[in-house]
Amino acid sequence: MIDARAAAVNVAWLAASSRDAWALRRARTRLEAVQAARLAGYLAANCDTAFGRRHGFARLAGVASFQAAVPLATYDDLAPFVRRIADGEPRVLTAEPVRLLEPTGGSAGATKLVPYTASLAAEFRRALGAWIVDLFSRWPALAGGAAYWSVSPLAEDPRRTAGGIAIGFEADSAYLGAFGAALEAWAFAVPSAVKGLPDIEALRYVTLLCLLRRPDLRLVSVWSPTFLSLLLDALPRYWDRLVEDVRAGTSTLPASEGDPERREERRSRLGRAARPDPRRAARMARIGPDRPTDLWPALGLVSCWADGPAAPYAAALAARLPGVRVQPKGLLATEAFVSLPLGGGPGALLAATSHFFEFLPLAADGATDDSTPRLAHEIERGQAYSVVVTTGGGFYRYKLGDAVEVVGFLGQLPRLRFAGRVDRVSDRFGEKLSPRFVADALEALCRADDLRPEFAMLAPDDDADGLRYTLYLDLGAAPGFPADAEWRAELARRLDLELSRGFHYAQCRLGQLGGARVVLVTRGAEHYTEACRARGQRPGDVKPTPLATTTGWEHWLAPGDPGRSARP
């Protein structure tokens, strides 16, 4: 089945994006010049701003002078400028007006506000357009029906700063520029109205309802694979109600907190767009909730995080969707579009036409060498780096906190594989555990026992014996062997040995840290997501991580069950 209206707007989007694809192809043979031009544009456009005047943009000529004049920055360094923008001051980081401040936060950090200008939005669309051209050109069937785009799955009510700057996009289609409204009207399976639902259960229910009404669903783009897995997990829980709502054209929201009048308005708005579909409901009833590829027979591709810590979760999702291609999303953050899957090779291609990039060499223990930044044309295959970006949103030499490994090249453009975070080091007593080091340790541990955990995360824990690290491990319903106390104690001992390969951890184990322990959990990914939400994160910001830097996870992941733990 081809939806003619969805196909028409997708083809129009493809045609409009051809210039973006051409520009990235051109960069394959002139990467250094393309990057130099991007930097020159930023300096020229923003010399008469508070930041530009402070760092002498008008006097800078070329990369070397820019690096000498502008220090590497974290969000904390830029936060005072962002606060001035929030207060309504113009021309702070950019000469362009700031359209809005987009909230973001990683797996553990506090919420950050990222200034969005017209230039930054165009830089995102430039990379997205090149990806869409590659996607629809290689698999034309994907353009023939509906798509589910989850950009920011749950949002607070619209807000503004004291200076009148909007916080957050009102609709996810706003990311997509001029074609956003048409795509939402004809090609989006789930409308932006869902984004305003008052809680996670209402969000899941109505999202599933909208998806089930579109048997022509071809493409799903989400952030975390666990977000989609948990969505599919909810199908059996709501199945009878979903079938009835599809049959009758209604929207029966689960009980939700919040203002009843506002909730009723949302229910009405969602319900008006639906038509009764008895034929679809009857087919759903015959299939049942446990066969998603039969419910959406046209589904061809899922785009999600699939590298680094997300790899096992993406593999588990792929196993649930036989015949559906799961494509790694590349590295895309709220602050910058770093890489995109293109050309079918390993890793994801650097989005060289979007921003100006620098790369800090990364040691095996996760430490960065800030003194010798490399440019995009200087990085080498097989080496790992921390990403630094300069963007049209006014983040100059911004340490994104993401580590990438160079896995190949397409012409001069490097192919990058996301390797984890570098800015969330756990360091209570000087142990200096980094996500990348912990991911390698867990991979070695699981490989030795042929373990394929559904969830694995190391976190510091305070107990009666002092501080130690706990591995929360979900082996699924039936691990296939007796995971008894003796086995867990041995696994904990070997975990401690793997972590002790790090010099600083080994030193702390001489007296400041207790031995590592292992706690087996069930529904680990779901409970982890719930915990992150309780700590203030939106579901779309929740990323799988091999290492948490905060304590208190046992309350969420293994409440009241200390008997399942083991320590050496």
Foldseek 3Di string as FASTA:
>chain_A
DFQVLLLVLLVVLLVVLVVLQVVVVVCLAPLVVLLFVQVLVLLVQQCPAQVNVQQVSVPDDTDVSQPVRDDFDALVRCVVLVVCVLQQDARHQGNFRFQAWEWFDFQAGDIDTFTDGPLLLVLLLSQVSSQSNQVCVVPVLLSRAAEAECDFQADEDWDGGNNGHTYHDQFPLVSNPPSSVSCQVGHYLAHRLLRHAADDQQSLQLSVLSVLLTLQYAEYEAAALVVVVVSLVCCVVCVVVSLVCQQALARDGDDHDDDPVVNVVSRVVSSVVTDHDNPSSVQCVVVDSQQVCSSRVNHAEYEYACFALRVLSLVVSCVSHDNHHYHYAADDDPNHDAFGCGDPDPATWGSSNRWFKWWFFADQQLDTDSVDIHGQLGDDAQTKTFIFTAHNSRRHRYRPQWMWHFHQGDNSITGITTHAGRPQFAQDPQLGHGQNLLSVLVVVLCVVVVASFNAWAKEWEQDPVGIEIEIETERDDPVPDPCDQVVQAVSQVSSQVSSVVRVRNVVCCVDNYPGYKYAYFHPQSVLSLVVSVVVPDRSSNNYRTRYDNDYDCCCRTPNPCVVRMYGD
